[in-house]
Amino acid sequence: MNTIEQTIESINGAIHVDMHVPAEWEGYVLKVTVERTEAKVEKPKRTGLSRFRGKWAHLPLEDRLRMQKELDNMRNEWERPIS
């Protein structure tokens, strides 16, 4: 029995398989089996300020705008001249 094994990752709940088979397999019925392994794909940990992107995505738009306005006001206070 001839076997080709390929490891792939699912993206958004789907997999896409692009596999080249030997020419001598032409004309045969091929069987594809998908098997989950115990190893999980580890995503690289984000570093720097990019890890804070999207922290308010779960909030309604009105709350996000209010939060952004409050942060802008706080930042503007830093720019105020101290006398």
N, C-alpha and C. Protein backbone atom coordinates (compact mmCIF):
# COMPACT_ATOMS: atom_id res chain seq x y z
N MET A 1 0.84 -1.18 0.00
CA MET A 1 0.00 0.00 0.00
C MET A 1 0.89 1.24 0.00
N ASN A 2 0.60 2.15 -0.85
CA ASN A 2 1.34 3.40 -0.92
C ASN A 2 0.57 4.46 -0.15
N THR A 3 1.30 5.28 0.60
CA THR A 3 0.66 6.28 1.45
C THR A 3 1.37 7.61 1.30
N ILE A 4 0.58 8.68 1.28
CA ILE A 4 1.11 10.04 1.35
C ILE A 4 0.48 10.67 2.58
N GLU A 5 1.31 11.21 3.44
CA GLU A 5 0.80 11.85 4.66
C GLU A 5 1.16 13.33 4.62
N GLN A 6 0.19 14.16 4.96
CA GLN A 6 0.41 15.60 4.96
C GLN A 6 -0.25 16.18 6.21
N THR A 7 0.45 17.07 6.92
CA THR A 7 -0.10 17.71 8.10
C THR A 7 -0.54 19.12 7.71
N ILE A 8 -1.77 19.45 8.04
CA ILE A 8 -2.32 20.77 7.70
C ILE A 8 -3.03 21.35 8.90
N GLU A 9 -3.25 22.66 8.91
CA GLU A 9 -3.97 23.35 9.98
C GLU A 9 -5.32 23.82 9.46
N SER A 10 -6.32 23.76 10.32
CA SER A 10 -7.62 24.29 9.93
C SER A 10 -7.63 25.80 10.16
N ILE A 11 -8.28 26.51 9.28
CA ILE A 11 -8.40 27.97 9.38
C ILE A 11 -9.88 28.30 9.27
N ASN A 12 -10.41 28.95 10.30
CA ASN A 12 -11.83 29.30 10.35
C ASN A 12 -12.72 28.09 10.14
N GLY A 13 -12.33 26.98 10.74
CA GLY A 13 -13.17 25.78 10.69
C GLY A 13 -13.14 25.03 9.37
N ALA A 14 -12.18 25.32 8.49
CA ALA A 14 -12.10 24.63 7.20
C ALA A 14 -10.65 24.26 6.91
N ILE A 15 -10.48 23.23 6.08
CA ILE A 15 -9.15 22.86 5.63
C ILE A 15 -9.15 22.87 4.10
N HIS A 16 -8.00 23.18 3.55
CA HIS A 16 -7.81 23.17 2.10
C HIS A 16 -6.61 22.30 1.82
N VAL A 17 -6.83 21.27 1.02
CA VAL A 17 -5.78 20.30 0.73
C VAL A 17 -5.39 20.43 -0.74
N ASP A 18 -4.11 20.66 -0.98
CA ASP A 18 -3.56 20.68 -2.33
C ASP A 18 -2.43 19.66 -2.32
N MET A 19 -2.67 18.51 -2.95
CA MET A 19 -1.74 17.41 -2.83
C MET A 19 -1.38 16.89 -4.23
N HIS A 20 -0.10 16.70 -4.47
CA HIS A 20 0.36 16.12 -5.72
C HIS A 20 0.60 14.64 -5.50
N VAL A 21 0.08 13.83 -6.41
CA VAL A 21 0.23 12.38 -6.28
C VAL A 21 1.11 11.87 -7.42
N PRO A 22 1.76 10.73 -7.21
CA PRO A 22 2.61 10.17 -8.27
C PRO A 22 1.81 9.84 -9.54
N ALA A 23 2.46 9.91 -10.67
CA ALA A 23 1.80 9.66 -11.96
C ALA A 23 1.24 8.23 -12.04
N GLU A 24 1.90 7.27 -11.39
CA GLU A 24 1.41 5.88 -11.46
C GLU A 24 0.10 5.67 -10.70
N TRP A 25 -0.31 6.65 -9.90
CA TRP A 25 -1.60 6.55 -9.20
C TRP A 25 -2.75 7.00 -10.09
N GLU A 26 -2.45 7.53 -11.23
CA GLU A 26 -3.48 8.02 -12.14
C GLU A 26 -4.44 6.89 -12.51
N GLY A 27 -5.72 7.15 -12.42
CA GLY A 27 -6.74 6.17 -12.76
C GLY A 27 -7.23 5.35 -11.59
N TYR A 28 -6.57 5.44 -10.44
CA TYR A 28 -7.00 4.72 -9.25
C TYR A 28 -7.93 5.61 -8.42
N VAL A 29 -8.77 4.98 -7.64
CA VAL A 29 -9.62 5.70 -6.69
C VAL A 29 -8.78 5.97 -5.45
N LEU A 30 -8.72 7.23 -5.04
CA LEU A 30 -7.93 7.61 -3.87
C LEU A 30 -8.85 7.92 -2.70
N LYS A 31 -8.43 7.55 -1.52
CA LYS A 31 -9.23 7.76 -0.31
C LYS A 31 -8.50 8.76 0.59
N VAL A 32 -9.22 9.78 1.06
CA VAL A 32 -8.65 10.81 1.94
C VAL A 32 -9.30 10.67 3.30
N THR A 33 -8.48 10.60 4.36
CA THR A 33 -8.97 10.49 5.73
C THR A 33 -8.43 11.67 6.52
N VAL A 34 -9.28 12.34 7.29
CA VAL A 34 -8.86 13.45 8.13
C VAL A 34 -8.88 12.96 9.58
N GLU A 35 -7.75 13.10 10.25
CA GLU A 35 -7.60 12.62 11.61
C GLU A 35 -7.04 13.74 12.48
N ARG A 36 -7.65 13.97 13.62
CA ARG A 36 -7.15 14.98 14.55
C ARG A 36 -6.02 14.39 15.37
N THR A 37 -4.95 15.15 15.51
CA THR A 37 -3.83 14.72 16.34
C THR A 37 -3.96 15.34 17.72
N GLU A 38 -3.15 14.89 18.62
CA GLU A 38 -3.17 15.44 19.98
C GLU A 38 -2.40 16.75 20.07
N ALA A 39 -1.55 17.01 19.10
CA ALA A 39 -0.75 18.25 19.13
C ALA A 39 -1.59 19.41 18.63
N LYS A 40 -1.60 20.49 19.39
CA LYS A 40 -2.29 21.70 18.98
C LYS A 40 -1.30 22.67 18.38
N VAL A 41 -1.79 23.48 17.47
CA VAL A 41 -0.94 24.50 16.86
C VAL A 41 -0.81 25.64 17.86
N GLU A 42 0.43 25.98 18.19
CA GLU A 42 0.65 27.08 19.12
C GLU A 42 0.83 28.37 18.35
N LYS A 43 -0.01 29.35 18.68
CA LYS A 43 0.09 30.64 18.03
C LYS A 43 1.19 31.45 18.72
N PRO A 44 1.97 32.19 17.94
CA PRO A 44 3.01 33.00 18.56
C PRO A 44 2.40 34.09 19.44
N LYS A 45 3.00 34.31 20.59
CA LYS A 45 2.50 35.32 21.51
C LYS A 45 2.86 36.71 20.98
N ARG A 46 1.85 37.57 20.94
CA ARG A 46 2.09 38.92 20.45
C ARG A 46 2.83 39.71 21.52
N THR A 47 3.77 40.50 21.07
CA THR A 47 4.52 41.35 21.97
C THR A 47 4.34 42.79 21.54
N GLY A 48 4.70 43.69 22.39
CA GLY A 48 4.56 45.10 22.05
C GLY A 48 3.13 45.57 22.20
N LEU A 49 2.86 46.73 21.69
CA LEU A 49 1.53 47.33 21.85
C LEU A 49 0.46 46.66 21.00
N SER A 50 0.84 45.87 20.01
CA SER A 50 -0.16 45.22 19.17
C SER A 50 -1.04 44.26 19.95
N ARG A 51 -0.58 43.80 21.10
CA ARG A 51 -1.39 42.85 21.89
C ARG A 51 -2.62 43.52 22.49
N PHE A 52 -2.66 44.85 22.53
CA PHE A 52 -3.82 45.55 23.08
C PHE A 52 -4.86 45.86 22.01
N ARG A 53 -4.55 45.62 20.76
CA ARG A 53 -5.48 45.93 19.68
C ARG A 53 -6.74 45.07 19.82
N GLY A 54 -7.90 45.69 19.73
CA GLY A 54 -9.16 44.96 19.76
C GLY A 54 -9.65 44.60 21.15
N LYS A 55 -9.10 45.18 22.19
CA LYS A 55 -9.52 44.83 23.55
C LYS A 55 -10.95 45.26 23.82
N TRP A 56 -11.44 46.24 23.08
CA TRP A 56 -12.81 46.71 23.31
C TRP A 56 -13.78 46.20 22.25
N ALA A 57 -13.37 45.24 21.48
CA ALA A 57 -14.21 44.75 20.38
C ALA A 57 -15.53 44.17 20.88
N HIS A 58 -15.56 43.69 22.11
CA HIS A 58 -16.79 43.09 22.65
C HIS A 58 -17.80 44.14 23.10
N LEU A 59 -17.36 45.39 23.24
CA LEU A 59 -18.25 46.46 23.70
C LEU A 59 -19.11 46.99 22.55
N PRO A 60 -20.32 47.44 22.86
CA PRO A 60 -21.15 48.08 21.83
C PRO A 60 -20.46 49.35 21.33
N LEU A 61 -20.78 49.78 20.12
CA LEU A 61 -20.14 50.93 19.50
C LEU A 61 -20.24 52.17 20.38
N GLU A 62 -21.40 52.39 20.98
CA GLU A 62 -21.60 53.58 21.83
C GLU A 62 -20.61 53.59 23.00
N ASP A 63 -20.44 52.44 23.65
CA ASP A 63 -19.50 52.35 24.77
C ASP A 63 -18.05 52.53 24.32
N ARG A 64 -17.72 51.97 23.15
CA ARG A 64 -16.35 52.14 22.64
C ARG A 64 -16.06 53.60 22.35
N LEU A 65 -17.02 54.32 21.76
CA LEU A 65 -16.82 55.74 21.47
C LEU A 65 -16.68 56.55 22.75
N ARG A 66 -17.50 56.22 23.76
CA ARG A 66 -17.42 56.92 25.04
C ARG A 66 -16.06 56.68 25.70
N MET A 67 -15.58 55.43 25.65
CA MET A 67 -14.29 55.08 26.23
C MET A 67 -13.17 55.83 25.49
N GLN A 68 -13.25 55.88 24.15
CA GLN A 68 -12.24 56.57 23.37
C GLN A 68 -12.23 58.06 23.68
N LYS A 69 -13.41 58.64 23.87
CA LYS A 69 -13.50 60.07 24.19
C LYS A 69 -12.86 60.35 25.56
N GLU A 70 -13.12 59.48 26.54
CA GLU A 70 -12.51 59.64 27.86
C GLU A 70 -10.99 59.55 27.79
N LEU A 71 -10.49 58.60 27.01
CA LEU A 71 -9.03 58.48 26.86
C LEU A 71 -8.44 59.71 26.16
N ASP A 72 -9.13 60.20 25.14
CA ASP A 72 -8.65 61.41 24.46
C ASP A 72 -8.60 62.59 25.43
N ASN A 73 -9.60 62.72 26.28
CA ASN A 73 -9.62 63.81 27.27
C ASN A 73 -8.45 63.68 28.25
N MET A 74 -8.17 62.45 28.69
CA MET A 74 -7.04 62.25 29.60
C MET A 74 -5.72 62.61 28.92
N ARG A 75 -5.58 62.22 27.67
CA ARG A 75 -4.34 62.54 26.95
C ARG A 75 -4.20 64.05 26.76
N ASN A 76 -5.30 64.73 26.50
CA ASN A 76 -5.26 66.17 26.30
C ASN A 76 -4.87 66.89 27.59
N GLU A 77 -5.19 66.32 28.73
CA GLU A 77 -4.79 66.93 30.00
C GLU A 77 -3.28 66.90 30.14
N TRP A 78 -2.64 65.89 29.61
CA TRP A 78 -1.18 65.81 29.68
C TRP A 78 -0.53 66.93 28.88
N GLU A 79 -1.20 67.35 27.80
CA GLU A 79 -0.66 68.39 26.93
C GLU A 79 -0.89 69.79 27.50
N ARG A 80 -1.71 69.89 28.53
CA ARG A 80 -2.03 71.20 29.11
C ARG A 80 -0.79 71.79 29.78
N PRO A 81 -0.53 73.08 29.59
CA PRO A 81 0.64 73.69 30.24
C PRO A 81 0.47 73.72 31.76
N ILE A 82 1.52 73.43 32.46
CA ILE A 82 1.50 73.45 33.92
C ILE A 82 1.98 74.83 34.36
N SER A 83 1.12 75.52 35.14
CA SER A 83 1.53 76.87 35.60
C SER A 83 1.44 76.99 37.09
